[in-house]
Structure formats: structure tokens, C-alpha cells
């Protein structure tokens, strides 16, 4: 595969995700929920987290609602994206699965009102990705919602790409508008700090 062809990377990852069995998905989801619980615990690896932006997995993305519930059980307030017109995402608080509604693109979103300056509150963001490399370059689905949104983050916010273990790779194509991640969270590898200088 051409290392600089994002479309080829996306097609390869999505094809691989289609082969993952339901049992594998469940094991990975359980492991990710346990990893997120460690992040939320007092004295966790990223320090105290008061607000975390996260996501509801869809279409083969790793994880489950248990990740969100693990954050809340640790005393963390959870923000989820609310889709609208193309542009930066809005965010509303997750208060439990019963308060989710169906949004655009089949996503499940909080039913509450969006919170002003939500990304300015977030200590960390759990960001879905198709892959991430060891430099922190993230491969998304190509719509650009996250890249347009991350400019509003605090400079000290921890950007964490959530991927399957084999989706943490050596090198991905990068464009000027891409925002690099500081960490990767995988089901069985746990939380890994990414080195922005690796592979440059």
C-alpha cells in the first residue's frame, strides 16, 4: 500500500474491521472500558480528569457505551459530539444511555442542549480513528469534523486516539490540517504516549 494514499489506508482498515467477529468486538470493548476506568480513577496516568470528550462507537469503531459509563463512574463529566452542518462539532453532556437520541449519519447523540465552549473545558478527548501512527498522525474517515474542531481545544488537553491494537501503525500519510494525537488507547496495549519526533 502506498504510504501516502489515505484512501487506500481507509479502505484497508474498514475491510479489516468487517472481519472482526462479535466475540472479538466484545472482548475489545470490555478491555477498552477497563482502560478508560483506569484513566478516570483518582491518580490515573493522565492526572485528574474533570471533563472528557468522547464518542458513541458506530460502524465497527472500537469500544461501547461502557467506556462512557466508566468515565462517569469515576466522577468525570462526559461530552459527546452533536452533528450538524459541516464545520466544528458542537458538544453536549452525556447523562446516560437513556438520554441518547438518533442523530445524523446514524449516530447516537445526547438529547440535551450543546454546551458553550465545551472543548475549552475538556481535560482530555477520546477520539475515534481508523488508525494512528507512532508520531501521533491520526487517520479519520475523511469528513474533517474533528480536524475543524480540535483548534478550539485547550493547549494542555490530552488528545487520545482510540483504535484497535493492529490500527496503531508505523507511519500514516499526513496533511497540513491534521492535528496530531498525544496518545493512543488500544484494547490490549492500553494507553501509549506517542512521540511526535518518531519517524520524522
Foldseek 3Di string as FASTA:
>chain_A
DPQADLVVLVVVLLVVLVPQDPVNLVLFQVLLLVLLLQCLADVHPLHHWAEEEEFADDSSFHYHCSNVVSNVVSNHWYWYWADDPQAETFIDTDPDPVQWDQHPPRGTHGPDDTDPLRQQRGQEYEAEASAAELLQFTRHPPSCRVLRHVVSHDPNRAYEYEHAPVRHHHGHHDDPSTDGGQWYAYSPVRIDGGHNPRPD
